[in-house]
Amino acid sequence: MDIQRSILIVALAVVSYMLVLQWNKDYGQPELPAQTASVSTSQGLPDTSVPAAGSADVPTAQASSPGLPSEQTAAATSSQLIQVKTDVLSLAIDPRGGDVVKLGLLQYPLRQDRPDVPFPLFESDQQRTYLAQSGLTGANGPDANRDGRPLYNSAQRSYQLADGQDQLVVDLSYSSNGVNYIKRFTFHRGLKTDCSEKEKAQKKIECINANAYQVGVTYLIDNQSAQPWTGNLFAQLKRDSSADPSSTTATGVSTYLGAAVWTPEKPYLKVSPKDMDKEQFKESVQGGWVAWLQHYFVTAWVPTKGETHQVMTRKDSQGNYIVGFTGPNLTVAPGSKTETSAVLYAGPKLQSHLKELSPGLELTVDYGWLWFIAQPIFWLLQHIHSLLGNWGWSIILLTVVIKLAFFPLSAASYRSMARMRAVSPKMQAIKEQHGDDRQKMSQAMMELYKKEKINPLGGCLPILVQMPVFLSLYWVLLESVEMRQSPWLGWITDLAVKDPFFILPIIMGATMLIQQMLNPTPPDPMQAKVMKMMPIIFTFFFLWFPAGLVLYWVVNNVLSIAQQWYITRQIEGAASKASA
């Protein structure tokens, strides 16, 4: 009967494992865009219609505005999107308003098995609305025109950064009522030419130019009319309520998806979609930035430093969420010229680049309330990676370093548990002697602890001290874009997604079981049953954890087992000699 039951359990485990593998195969990869299959990446992003995205509300900035044209008017020219491609960006600009309506990250594929399909950061189709808008509003701003947003002209419909070219300038022109406008986009080469192809493929931070993902947006205003021109620059990010396409976790702990702004009081202030549902946020700020965050990537508008502008968030009539700013009043005398500008960042959360662009912007790499511990951990992990060149081995070495740093605390915890294990026969005898009289049993237990010099909390307190570090490391591995699509060895080709064969979670569960065998059995039968179930429960949860996180837990458990086994053997050996 025992043999039959064992065979059934093994068969059930195998069938369950195969079912999970099939589910992972069917649903474990993000879907490719419908239009991608027929579009060559050498031609930039495909031309698709822009629905409601082109008809968003625009701030009026101290002047009444009739708003933007109807959806049909905006979509009329969307089939003629202006395509731009650098070595790191592939984007499309709608000539109606000059908004960036599509943007793909060429160095960050949507899926690892399709390197030709860039991750779509900005989109404007039936699946998602997410775009960067900017313009001139106010009394004479063309974006406040009753006839709709301006329709810009460009010298060509496709631009590409050439080999040996470090900068690409795309000019859009528009004229109205004697005023000539140029909306100038400035793009930069992203990858340094002195790095090898292997180093570029590894996305080494040293090989990426600081302005790689920065797009300069400048308005040149030439007033040839007989009247003074007045207006304001506005820039905003607009997104619908769709899910985060870059999220890779199914663990119940998701990264932040929403807006954030800089204020003098708070260099990183979150404004979630739920906050926008309740009320608008408005504040006058000098410098700073506005941003929209998602897992691994961030988009941000950074206005000119030193200028005071109005930061705002709101929800438009179509249910889209908007975060942006409106600049100060501009006045251009007849026959005079002026310009105003802002920087659009659209790319990965690279802390050093974000910090250089604007103070506080690096905090969009959100490590939670333990950021002050997480930042040094990430700094150490980066330096280890600069030596090893592999994030998987870097995680292993970092775990070893942290384990060594906490060796004295861990040793104290394991000594306490080893002493508890050594006196477990005496504890069982006390339990049998006093039966259901819990008061007498507790008194006898306390006398035993005192006699054997055992602190019943000695095994818990050292672990509690280490928990902030472990939680911080968890968020470092979860939030760092450097882990995305980074291989370790063998079947682990992406440390940021779950193990495709769930081997690491199973190993992790086995190490937890071994740890339990080394620990003393809890005196309470119910607690003992719960503890026996913990390896199974944790294994199930860890099936969908990113492989880098599971790798950390496996290495940490293996080191803990080795340390605990050594200390337990020492104490039990000393006890045997004392009794002899």
Protein backbone atom coordinates (compact mmCIF):
# COMPACT_ATOMS: atom_id res chain seq x y z
CA MET A 1 0.00 0.00 0.00
CA ASP A 2 2.85 2.39 0.86
CA ILE A 3 4.55 1.62 -2.45
CA GLN A 4 1.34 2.28 -4.41
CA ARG A 5 0.79 5.56 -2.58
CA SER A 6 4.39 6.64 -3.27
CA ILE A 7 3.98 5.81 -6.97
CA LEU A 8 0.75 7.82 -7.15
CA ILE A 9 2.36 10.81 -5.43
CA VAL A 10 5.33 10.75 -7.83
CA ALA A 11 3.02 10.40 -10.84
CA LEU A 12 0.88 13.30 -9.65
CA ALA A 13 3.97 15.44 -9.16
CA VAL A 14 5.23 14.64 -12.68
CA VAL A 15 1.83 15.39 -14.27
CA SER A 16 1.57 18.67 -12.32
CA TYR A 17 5.07 19.66 -13.42
CA MET A 18 4.23 18.97 -17.07
CA LEU A 19 1.01 21.00 -16.80
CA VAL A 20 2.88 23.97 -15.35
CA LEU A 21 5.49 23.72 -18.13
CA GLN A 22 2.76 23.73 -20.78
CA TRP A 23 1.04 26.72 -19.14
CA ASN A 24 4.37 28.54 -19.10
CA LYS A 25 4.84 27.80 -22.80
CA ASP A 26 1.36 29.03 -23.72
CA TYR A 27 1.18 32.15 -21.54
CA GLY A 28 4.71 32.92 -20.42
CA GLN A 29 5.72 35.24 -23.28
CA PRO A 30 4.30 38.69 -24.07
CA GLU A 31 2.34 38.84 -27.29
CA LEU A 32 3.98 40.41 -30.30
CA PRO A 33 2.31 43.49 -31.84
CA ALA A 34 -0.03 42.49 -34.62
CA GLN A 35 1.67 44.75 -37.15
CA THR A 36 5.25 43.75 -36.34
CA ALA A 37 5.41 40.62 -38.41
CA SER A 38 5.18 42.47 -41.71
CA VAL A 39 7.36 45.44 -40.88
CA SER A 40 11.10 45.55 -41.31
CA THR A 41 12.94 47.15 -38.43
CA SER A 42 15.17 48.95 -40.89
CA GLN A 43 12.18 51.05 -41.88
CA GLY A 44 11.38 52.20 -38.35
CA LEU A 45 7.99 51.79 -36.78
CA PRO A 46 5.00 51.04 -38.98
CA ASP A 47 2.47 53.65 -40.05
CA THR A 48 -0.74 53.09 -38.14
CA SER A 49 -3.69 55.27 -37.47
CA VAL A 50 -3.69 57.37 -34.34
CA PRO A 51 -7.06 57.28 -32.61
CA ALA A 52 -8.00 59.46 -29.68
CA ALA A 53 -4.36 60.02 -28.87
CA GLY A 54 -4.13 62.94 -31.21
CA SER A 55 -7.06 64.73 -29.69
CA ALA A 56 -6.07 65.08 -26.05
CA ASP A 57 -6.85 68.06 -23.89
CA VAL A 58 -4.05 70.63 -23.86
CA PRO A 59 -3.37 73.04 -20.99
CA THR A 60 -4.41 76.58 -21.73
CA ALA A 61 -1.92 78.39 -19.49
CA GLN A 62 -3.47 81.70 -18.55
CA ALA A 63 -5.50 81.95 -21.72
CA SER A 64 -8.76 80.44 -22.77
CA SER A 65 -8.46 77.75 -25.38
CA PRO A 66 -11.12 76.01 -27.42
CA GLY A 67 -9.12 72.79 -27.07
CA LEU A 68 -7.97 70.47 -29.82
CA PRO A 69 -9.63 69.35 -33.02
CA SER A 70 -11.90 66.39 -33.26
CA GLU A 71 -10.64 62.85 -33.38
CA GLN A 72 -11.33 62.62 -37.09
CA THR A 73 -9.31 65.75 -37.87
CA ALA A 74 -6.29 64.50 -35.93
CA ALA A 75 -6.39 61.09 -37.56
CA ALA A 76 -6.55 62.52 -41.07
CA THR A 77 -2.79 62.94 -41.35
CA SER A 78 -1.71 60.09 -39.10
CA SER A 79 -1.03 57.83 -42.07
CA GLN A 80 1.92 60.11 -42.89
CA LEU A 81 3.84 59.76 -39.64
CA ILE A 82 7.42 60.99 -39.68
CA GLN A 83 9.75 58.05 -38.99
CA VAL A 84 13.01 58.59 -37.08
CA LYS A 85 15.63 55.98 -36.24
CA THR A 86 18.87 56.13 -34.27
CA ASP A 87 20.98 53.25 -33.01
CA VAL A 88 18.83 52.97 -29.85
CA LEU A 89 15.45 54.50 -30.75
CA SER A 90 12.86 53.93 -33.44
CA LEU A 91 9.99 56.39 -33.25
CA ALA A 92 7.19 58.08 -35.12
CA ILE A 93 6.12 61.73 -34.91
CA ASP A 94 2.63 62.81 -35.89
CA PRO A 95 2.86 66.00 -38.00
CA ARG A 96 -0.46 67.04 -36.47
CA GLY A 97 0.88 68.72 -33.33
CA GLY A 98 4.32 67.14 -33.58
CA ASP A 99 3.64 64.55 -30.84
CA VAL A 100 5.78 61.43 -30.36
CA VAL A 101 3.11 58.76 -30.83
CA LYS A 102 5.33 55.68 -31.15
CA LEU A 103 8.72 54.83 -29.72
CA GLY A 104 10.55 51.52 -29.64
CA LEU A 105 13.75 50.69 -27.74
CA LEU A 106 16.03 48.92 -30.20
CA GLN A 107 18.48 47.71 -27.54
CA TYR A 108 15.66 46.24 -25.43
CA PRO A 109 13.65 43.66 -27.41
CA LEU A 110 10.09 42.93 -26.38
CA ARG A 111 10.98 39.24 -26.24
CA GLN A 112 14.33 37.57 -26.05
CA ASP A 113 13.50 35.16 -28.86
CA ARG A 114 12.64 38.08 -31.17
CA PRO A 115 15.53 40.58 -31.01
CA ASP A 116 14.15 42.27 -34.13
CA VAL A 117 11.06 43.51 -32.25
CA PRO A 118 11.92 46.51 -30.03
CA PHE A 119 10.10 47.04 -26.77
CA PRO A 120 7.24 49.49 -27.48
CA LEU A 121 7.47 52.29 -24.94
CA PHE A 122 5.17 54.83 -26.63
CA GLU A 123 2.17 53.42 -28.46
CA SER A 124 -0.96 54.85 -29.98
CA ASP A 125 -3.24 52.13 -31.25
CA GLN A 126 -6.24 50.07 -30.16
CA GLN A 127 -4.19 48.22 -27.52
CA ARG A 128 -2.59 51.13 -25.72
CA THR A 129 -2.43 54.91 -25.66
CA TYR A 130 0.87 56.23 -24.33
CA LEU A 131 2.56 59.23 -25.93
CA ALA A 132 4.55 62.41 -25.37
CA GLN A 133 2.86 65.66 -26.32
CA SER A 134 4.24 69.18 -26.47
CA GLY A 135 3.26 72.46 -28.02
CA LEU A 136 2.72 76.18 -27.69
CA THR A 137 -0.47 77.32 -26.05
CA GLY A 138 -1.61 80.60 -24.52
CA ALA A 139 -2.90 83.73 -26.24
CA ASN A 140 -1.16 83.24 -29.61
CA GLY A 141 0.05 79.64 -29.33
CA PRO A 142 -0.74 77.57 -32.44
CA ASP A 143 -1.87 74.67 -30.22
CA ALA A 144 -4.64 76.90 -28.84
CA ASN A 145 -6.03 77.59 -32.32
CA ARG A 146 -9.77 77.14 -32.74
CA ASP A 147 -9.15 75.21 -35.95
CA GLY A 148 -7.13 72.54 -34.18
CA ARG A 149 -3.50 71.78 -33.55
CA PRO A 150 -0.98 72.90 -36.16
CA LEU A 151 -0.14 70.64 -39.09
CA TYR A 152 3.66 70.73 -39.43
CA ASN A 153 5.67 70.18 -42.59
CA SER A 154 8.98 68.35 -42.77
CA ALA A 155 11.59 68.10 -45.51
CA GLN A 156 11.26 64.32 -45.59
CA ARG A 157 9.16 61.55 -44.06
CA SER A 158 12.00 59.39 -42.83
CA TYR A 159 15.20 60.22 -40.95
CA GLN A 160 18.01 57.95 -39.80
CA LEU A 161 21.20 58.53 -37.85
CA ALA A 162 24.02 57.72 -40.26
CA ASP A 163 27.23 55.87 -39.44
CA GLY A 164 29.76 58.26 -37.98
CA GLN A 165 27.03 60.78 -37.17
CA ASP A 166 26.66 61.68 -33.48
CA GLN A 167 23.58 63.87 -33.76
CA LEU A 168 20.42 63.91 -35.82
CA VAL A 169 18.20 67.01 -36.13
CA VAL A 170 14.62 66.81 -37.38
CA ASP A 171 12.88 70.12 -38.08
CA LEU A 172 9.12 70.54 -38.43
CA SER A 173 7.88 73.90 -39.74
CA TYR A 174 4.59 75.77 -39.52
CA SER A 175 3.48 79.34 -40.31
CA SER A 176 0.37 81.22 -39.20
CA ASN A 177 -0.59 84.90 -39.06
CA GLY A 178 2.90 86.10 -39.93
CA VAL A 179 4.62 83.96 -37.30
CA ASN A 180 7.01 81.18 -38.38
CA TYR A 181 7.51 78.18 -36.08
CA ILE A 182 10.10 75.42 -36.13
CA LYS A 183 9.67 72.46 -33.83
CA ARG A 184 13.14 70.91 -33.64
CA PHE A 185 13.85 67.40 -32.40
CA THR A 186 17.48 66.59 -31.58
CA PHE A 187 18.57 62.96 -31.26
CA HIS A 188 21.94 61.58 -30.15
CA ARG A 189 24.00 58.49 -30.83
CA GLY A 190 23.35 56.03 -28.03
CA LEU A 191 26.24 53.56 -28.15
CA LYS A 192 29.88 54.53 -27.91
CA THR A 193 31.99 53.54 -30.90
CA ASP A 194 35.01 52.41 -28.85
CA CYS A 195 33.13 49.49 -27.27
CA SER A 196 33.15 45.98 -28.72
CA GLU A 197 29.99 44.37 -30.05
CA LYS A 198 30.03 41.98 -27.08
CA GLU A 199 30.16 44.86 -24.62
CA LYS A 200 27.33 46.61 -26.44
CA ALA A 201 25.26 43.41 -26.41
CA GLN A 202 25.80 43.17 -22.64
CA LYS A 203 24.42 46.73 -22.35
CA LYS A 204 27.38 47.81 -20.26
CA ILE A 205 26.68 51.20 -18.78
CA GLU A 206 30.16 52.36 -19.83
CA CYS A 207 29.18 51.81 -23.48
CA ILE A 208 26.02 53.93 -23.40
CA ASN A 209 26.23 57.69 -23.90
CA ALA A 210 24.63 59.73 -21.13
CA ASN A 211 22.26 61.41 -23.61
CA ALA A 212 21.40 58.21 -25.48
CA TYR A 213 17.72 58.27 -24.56
CA GLN A 214 17.30 62.04 -24.42
CA VAL A 215 15.35 63.84 -27.12
CA GLY A 216 15.74 67.59 -27.23
CA VAL A 217 12.55 69.45 -28.20
CA THR A 218 13.07 73.12 -29.09
CA TYR A 219 10.58 75.67 -30.43
CA LEU A 220 12.03 78.44 -32.60
CA ILE A 221 9.56 81.34 -32.88
CA ASP A 222 10.08 84.01 -35.56
CA ASN A 223 7.52 86.78 -35.24
CA GLN A 224 7.24 88.57 -38.60
CA SER A 225 3.81 89.98 -37.81
CA ALA A 226 3.00 93.53 -36.74
CA GLN A 227 1.78 92.46 -33.29
CA PRO A 228 3.61 91.06 -30.24
CA TRP A 229 3.36 87.29 -29.88
CA THR A 230 2.65 85.72 -26.46
CA GLY A 231 2.34 82.10 -25.50
CA ASN A 232 3.56 79.27 -23.28
CA LEU A 233 5.37 75.99 -23.78
CA PHE A 234 3.57 72.90 -22.52
CA ALA A 235 4.79 69.30 -22.38
CA GLN A 236 2.95 66.29 -21.06
CA LEU A 237 2.84 62.50 -20.95
CA LYS A 238 -0.48 60.84 -21.59
CA ARG A 239 -1.34 57.22 -20.84
CA ASP A 240 -4.44 55.11 -20.59
CA SER A 241 -5.23 52.64 -17.79
CA SER A 242 -3.84 49.55 -19.53
CA ALA A 243 -1.52 47.14 -17.72
CA ASP A 244 2.26 47.40 -17.64
CA PRO A 245 3.64 45.47 -20.66
CA SER A 246 7.11 45.30 -19.10
CA SER A 247 6.00 43.66 -15.85
CA THR A 248 7.32 40.11 -15.49
CA THR A 249 6.01 39.16 -12.05
CA ALA A 250 2.96 37.21 -11.04
CA THR A 251 3.84 37.17 -7.36
CA GLY A 252 1.38 39.73 -6.06
CA VAL A 253 4.20 42.25 -5.54
CA SER A 254 4.22 44.49 -8.60
CA THR A 255 6.35 47.52 -9.30
CA TYR A 256 4.84 51.00 -9.43
CA LEU A 257 2.90 52.01 -12.54
CA GLY A 258 1.99 55.68 -12.49
CA ALA A 259 3.18 59.28 -12.55
CA ALA A 260 5.79 61.02 -10.41
CA VAL A 261 6.91 64.64 -10.11
CA TRP A 262 9.70 66.64 -8.51
CA THR A 263 8.87 69.32 -5.97
CA PRO A 264 11.14 71.36 -3.67
CA GLU A 265 9.71 69.51 -0.65
CA LYS A 266 9.81 66.03 -2.18
CA PRO A 267 12.35 65.14 -4.87
CA TYR A 268 10.24 62.09 -5.74
CA LEU A 269 6.48 62.41 -5.32
CA LYS A 270 4.23 59.67 -6.67
CA VAL A 271 0.89 60.60 -8.18
CA SER A 272 -0.89 57.36 -8.99
CA PRO A 273 -3.85 56.96 -11.35
CA LYS A 274 -6.03 56.52 -8.26
CA ASP A 275 -4.84 59.92 -7.04
CA MET A 276 -5.74 61.47 -10.39
CA ASP A 277 -9.19 59.88 -10.17
CA LYS A 278 -9.79 61.80 -6.95
CA GLU A 279 -8.37 65.23 -7.75
CA GLN A 280 -5.93 67.24 -9.87
CA PHE A 281 -2.43 67.99 -8.68
CA LYS A 282 -1.11 71.52 -9.33
CA GLU A 283 2.02 73.23 -8.05
CA SER A 284 4.44 75.90 -9.21
CA VAL A 285 7.94 74.44 -9.44
CA GLN A 286 11.32 75.80 -10.48
CA GLY A 287 13.20 73.25 -12.57
CA GLY A 288 12.45 69.64 -11.71
CA TRP A 289 10.74 67.08 -13.92
CA VAL A 290 7.52 65.13 -14.54
CA ALA A 291 7.59 61.42 -15.32
CA TRP A 292 5.62 58.27 -15.92
CA LEU A 293 7.02 55.06 -14.43
CA GLN A 294 6.67 51.40 -15.26
CA HIS A 295 8.74 48.31 -14.63
CA TYR A 296 12.31 48.83 -15.91
CA PHE A 297 11.48 51.92 -18.04
CA VAL A 298 10.61 55.57 -17.49
CA THR A 299 9.56 58.53 -19.60
CA ALA A 300 10.06 62.09 -18.37
CA TRP A 301 9.83 65.71 -19.47
CA VAL A 302 12.59 67.91 -18.05
CA PRO A 303 12.04 71.67 -18.54
CA THR A 304 14.76 74.29 -18.68
CA LYS A 305 16.52 74.70 -15.35
CA GLY A 306 15.86 77.94 -13.54
CA GLU A 307 12.42 78.51 -15.06
CA THR A 308 9.27 78.41 -12.95
CA HIS A 309 6.47 76.38 -14.46
CA GLN A 310 3.13 74.91 -13.46
CA VAL A 311 3.20 71.16 -12.84
CA MET A 312 -0.14 69.40 -13.12
CA THR A 313 -1.80 66.00 -13.33
CA ARG A 314 -5.32 65.27 -14.47
CA LYS A 315 -7.63 62.78 -16.14
CA ASP A 316 -9.02 63.78 -19.53
CA SER A 317 -12.49 63.27 -20.93
CA GLN A 318 -11.46 60.00 -22.60
CA GLY A 319 -10.23 58.43 -19.37
CA ASN A 320 -6.51 58.95 -20.07
CA TYR A 321 -4.11 60.05 -17.34
CA ILE A 322 -1.93 63.11 -17.97
CA VAL A 323 1.11 64.49 -16.16
CA GLY A 324 2.87 67.55 -17.50
CA PHE A 325 3.91 71.16 -17.07
CA THR A 326 3.24 74.57 -18.57
CA GLY A 327 6.11 77.02 -18.85
CA PRO A 328 6.21 80.76 -18.12
CA ASN A 329 4.80 83.42 -20.45
CA LEU A 330 6.85 84.09 -23.56
CA THR A 331 6.65 87.42 -25.42
CA VAL A 332 8.18 87.99 -28.85
CA ALA A 333 8.16 91.54 -30.21
CA PRO A 334 7.36 92.14 -33.92
CA GLY A 335 10.41 91.32 -36.04
CA SER A 336 12.10 89.40 -33.20
CA LYS A 337 12.92 85.75 -32.54
CA THR A 338 13.08 83.56 -29.44
CA GLU A 339 13.22 79.91 -28.51
CA THR A 340 12.13 77.64 -25.69
CA SER A 341 12.93 74.01 -25.06
CA ALA A 342 12.58 70.91 -22.91
CA VAL A 343 14.13 67.43 -22.85
CA LEU A 344 12.18 64.23 -23.29
CA TYR A 345 13.70 61.12 -21.72
CA ALA A 346 12.33 57.80 -22.95
CA GLY A 347 14.27 54.70 -22.05
CA PRO A 348 15.54 52.33 -19.39
CA LYS A 349 15.97 53.25 -15.73
CA LEU A 350 19.73 53.83 -15.77
CA GLN A 351 20.43 55.57 -12.49
CA SER A 352 23.64 57.36 -13.45
CA HIS A 353 22.08 58.80 -16.63
CA LEU A 354 18.88 59.87 -14.89
CA LYS A 355 20.77 61.58 -12.08
CA GLU A 356 22.90 63.49 -14.56
CA LEU A 357 19.84 64.67 -16.47
CA SER A 358 18.01 66.08 -13.43
CA PRO A 359 18.46 65.70 -9.64
CA GLY A 360 15.98 63.28 -8.11
CA LEU A 361 15.13 61.62 -11.42
CA GLU A 362 17.25 58.60 -10.44
CA LEU A 363 14.73 57.95 -7.65
CA THR A 364 12.33 56.67 -10.30
CA VAL A 365 14.32 53.45 -9.86
CA ASP A 366 11.99 52.78 -6.96
CA TYR A 367 13.49 50.55 -4.26
CA GLY A 368 10.72 51.34 -1.80
CA TRP A 369 11.10 52.65 1.73
CA LEU A 370 14.40 50.77 2.19
CA TRP A 371 16.08 52.66 -0.65
CA PHE A 372 18.90 53.88 1.63
CA ILE A 373 19.96 50.24 2.09
CA ALA A 374 19.18 49.18 -1.49
CA GLN A 375 21.33 51.87 -3.10
CA PRO A 376 24.63 50.65 -1.55
CA ILE A 377 23.67 47.07 -2.42
CA PHE A 378 23.13 48.03 -6.06
CA TRP A 379 26.42 49.95 -6.06
CA LEU A 380 28.23 46.83 -4.82
CA LEU A 381 26.42 44.60 -7.33
CA GLN A 382 27.45 46.89 -10.19
CA HIS A 383 31.10 46.80 -9.14
CA ILE A 384 31.03 43.01 -8.87
CA HIS A 385 29.50 42.82 -12.34
CA SER A 386 32.23 45.07 -13.75
CA LEU A 387 34.70 42.34 -12.69
CA LEU A 388 32.73 39.21 -13.60
CA GLY A 389 30.71 40.43 -16.60
CA ASN A 390 27.74 38.17 -15.77
CA TRP A 391 24.81 39.22 -13.61
CA GLY A 392 24.07 35.66 -12.49
CA TRP A 393 27.54 35.09 -11.06
CA SER A 394 27.45 38.63 -9.69
CA ILE A 395 24.28 37.78 -7.73
CA ILE A 396 25.97 34.67 -6.34
CA LEU A 397 29.08 36.55 -5.25
CA LEU A 398 26.98 39.38 -3.77
CA THR A 399 25.01 36.81 -1.74
CA VAL A 400 28.27 35.36 -0.43
CA VAL A 401 29.52 38.83 0.55
CA ILE A 402 26.29 39.64 2.39
CA LYS A 403 26.34 36.25 4.08
CA LEU A 404 29.90 36.86 5.28
CA ALA A 405 28.96 40.30 6.56
CA PHE A 406 26.21 38.77 8.70
CA PHE A 407 28.17 35.67 9.67
CA PRO A 408 28.38 36.53 13.40
CA LEU A 409 24.62 37.18 13.63
CA SER A 410 23.79 34.03 11.68
CA ALA A 411 26.16 31.99 13.83
CA ALA A 412 24.42 33.21 16.99
CA SER A 413 21.05 32.22 15.54
CA TYR A 414 22.22 28.77 14.47
CA ARG A 415 23.91 28.13 17.83
CA SER A 416 20.64 28.87 19.58
CA MET A 417 18.74 26.52 17.26
CA ALA A 418 21.43 23.85 17.65
CA ARG A 419 21.13 24.00 21.45
CA MET A 420 17.34 23.77 21.11
CA ARG A 421 17.81 20.69 18.93
CA ALA A 422 20.22 19.15 21.45
CA VAL A 423 17.74 19.47 24.33
CA SER A 424 14.68 18.47 22.28
CA PRO A 425 14.49 15.04 24.02
CA LYS A 426 14.28 16.80 27.40
CA MET A 427 11.62 19.16 26.03
CA GLN A 428 9.59 16.20 24.80
CA ALA A 429 9.89 14.56 28.23
CA ILE A 430 8.58 17.72 29.93
CA LYS A 431 5.66 17.80 27.51
CA GLU A 432 4.77 14.18 28.27
CA GLN A 433 5.20 14.71 32.01
CA HIS A 434 2.84 17.67 32.34
CA GLY A 435 0.35 16.71 29.64
CA ASP A 436 -2.31 19.39 29.14
CA ASP A 437 -1.18 21.58 32.06
CA ARG A 438 0.30 24.37 29.96
CA GLN A 439 1.23 26.55 32.92
CA LYS A 440 3.41 23.88 34.57
CA MET A 441 4.85 22.90 31.19
CA SER A 442 5.81 26.54 30.46
CA GLN A 443 7.48 26.88 33.89
CA ALA A 444 9.44 23.68 33.33
CA MET A 445 10.49 24.85 29.88
CA MET A 446 11.74 28.17 31.24
CA GLU A 447 13.77 26.34 33.93
CA LEU A 448 15.27 24.14 31.21
CA TYR A 449 16.17 27.18 29.10
CA LYS A 450 17.82 28.80 32.11
CA LYS A 451 19.75 25.66 33.03
CA GLU A 452 20.98 25.04 29.46
CA LYS A 453 21.61 28.78 28.83
CA ILE A 454 19.23 28.91 25.90
CA ASN A 455 17.52 32.09 24.72
CA PRO A 456 14.24 31.02 23.07
CA LEU A 457 14.34 34.20 20.96
CA GLY A 458 18.02 33.77 20.11
CA GLY A 459 17.20 32.16 16.78
CA CYS A 460 14.76 34.92 15.74
CA LEU A 461 16.39 38.22 16.66
CA PRO A 462 19.49 37.84 14.41
CA ILE A 463 17.21 36.95 11.49
CA LEU A 464 15.03 40.02 12.13
CA VAL A 465 18.13 42.23 12.03
CA GLN A 466 19.05 40.83 8.61
CA MET A 467 15.56 41.11 7.11
CA PRO A 468 15.89 44.78 5.95
CA VAL A 469 18.98 43.84 3.95
CA PHE A 470 17.30 40.82 2.39
CA LEU A 471 14.19 42.85 1.49
CA SER A 472 16.36 45.60 -0.02
CA LEU A 473 18.24 43.06 -2.13
CA TYR A 474 14.89 41.67 -3.27
CA TRP A 475 13.86 45.09 -4.61
CA VAL A 476 17.27 45.70 -6.18
CA LEU A 477 16.99 42.48 -8.18
CA LEU A 478 13.33 43.12 -9.02
CA GLU A 479 13.63 46.76 -10.12
CA SER A 480 17.02 46.90 -11.90
CA VAL A 481 16.70 46.99 -15.69
CA GLU A 482 20.22 45.55 -15.90
CA MET A 483 18.74 42.14 -15.05
CA ARG A 484 16.25 42.23 -17.93
CA GLN A 485 17.09 39.57 -20.57
CA SER A 486 20.49 38.96 -18.93
CA PRO A 487 21.55 35.29 -19.12
CA TRP A 488 23.30 33.29 -16.43
CA LEU A 489 24.10 29.79 -17.69
CA GLY A 490 22.39 26.82 -19.31
CA TRP A 491 18.62 27.12 -19.37
CA ILE A 492 18.58 30.47 -17.51
CA THR A 493 18.71 32.92 -20.41
CA ASP A 494 16.85 35.76 -18.67
CA LEU A 495 17.32 36.51 -14.97
CA ALA A 496 14.33 38.89 -14.95
CA VAL A 497 11.70 36.26 -15.80
CA LYS A 498 10.74 32.97 -14.22
CA ASP A 499 12.81 29.82 -14.69
CA PRO A 500 11.32 28.24 -17.86
CA PHE A 501 11.64 24.73 -16.40
CA PHE A 502 11.13 25.72 -12.74
CA ILE A 503 14.33 23.95 -11.74
CA LEU A 504 15.61 26.72 -9.46
CA PRO A 505 12.32 26.96 -7.48
CA ILE A 506 12.36 23.19 -6.96
CA ILE A 507 15.96 23.34 -5.75
CA MET A 508 14.99 26.22 -3.49
CA GLY A 509 12.17 24.14 -1.99
CA ALA A 510 14.57 21.25 -1.43
CA THR A 511 17.03 23.51 0.39
CA MET A 512 14.21 24.79 2.63
CA LEU A 513 13.32 21.18 3.47
CA ILE A 514 16.94 20.43 4.38
CA GLN A 515 17.04 23.52 6.58
CA GLN A 516 13.94 22.31 8.43
CA MET A 517 15.59 18.95 9.06
CA LEU A 518 18.49 20.76 10.74
CA ASN A 519 16.17 22.89 12.89
CA PRO A 520 14.55 21.69 16.14
CA THR A 521 10.99 20.43 15.80
CA PRO A 522 8.50 22.98 17.19
CA PRO A 523 6.87 21.73 20.43
CA ASP A 524 3.39 22.65 19.18
CA PRO A 525 2.03 19.90 16.83
CA MET A 526 0.04 22.39 14.73
CA GLN A 527 3.08 24.63 14.31
CA ALA A 528 5.14 21.59 13.33
CA LYS A 529 2.62 20.69 10.60
CA VAL A 530 2.62 24.26 9.29
CA MET A 531 6.42 24.30 9.15
CA LYS A 532 6.41 21.06 7.15
CA MET A 533 4.14 22.69 4.58
CA MET A 534 6.30 25.81 4.20
CA PRO A 535 8.76 24.34 1.61
CA ILE A 536 5.82 23.30 -0.60
CA ILE A 537 4.08 26.67 -0.25
CA PHE A 538 7.25 28.65 -0.93
CA THR A 539 8.14 26.46 -3.92
CA PHE A 540 4.74 27.19 -5.45
CA PHE A 541 5.09 30.95 -4.92
CA PHE A 542 8.65 30.99 -6.26
CA LEU A 543 7.62 29.28 -9.51
CA TRP A 544 6.80 32.72 -10.96
CA PHE A 545 9.53 34.74 -9.27
CA PRO A 546 12.25 36.16 -11.56
CA ALA A 547 15.10 33.66 -11.86
CA GLY A 548 17.61 36.16 -10.42
CA LEU A 549 15.61 36.39 -7.18
CA VAL A 550 15.26 32.61 -6.92
CA LEU A 551 18.99 32.23 -7.58
CA TYR A 552 19.70 34.55 -4.66
CA TRP A 553 17.45 32.52 -2.34
CA VAL A 554 18.99 29.22 -3.45
CA VAL A 555 22.53 30.43 -2.82
CA ASN A 556 21.54 31.99 0.50
CA ASN A 557 19.85 28.75 1.60
CA VAL A 558 22.84 26.61 0.58
CA LEU A 559 25.22 28.84 2.53
CA SER A 560 22.85 28.79 5.52
CA ILE A 561 22.68 24.99 5.41
CA ALA A 562 26.46 24.72 5.36
CA GLN A 563 26.84 27.16 8.26
CA GLN A 564 24.03 25.59 10.27
CA TRP A 565 25.31 22.05 9.73
CA TYR A 566 28.82 23.01 10.84
CA ILE A 567 27.62 24.79 14.00
CA THR A 568 25.15 22.02 14.90
CA ARG A 569 27.86 19.41 14.50
CA GLN A 570 30.18 21.41 16.76
CA ILE A 571 27.60 21.80 19.55
CA GLU A 572 26.37 18.22 19.38
CA GLY A 573 29.95 16.98 19.41
CA ALA A 574 30.74 19.10 22.46
CA ALA A 575 27.59 17.81 24.18
CA SER A 576 28.58 14.19 23.48
CA LYS A 577 32.03 14.74 24.98
CA ALA A 578 30.54 16.40 28.07
CA SER A 579 28.11 13.50 28.65
CA ALA A 580 30.93 10.96 28.20
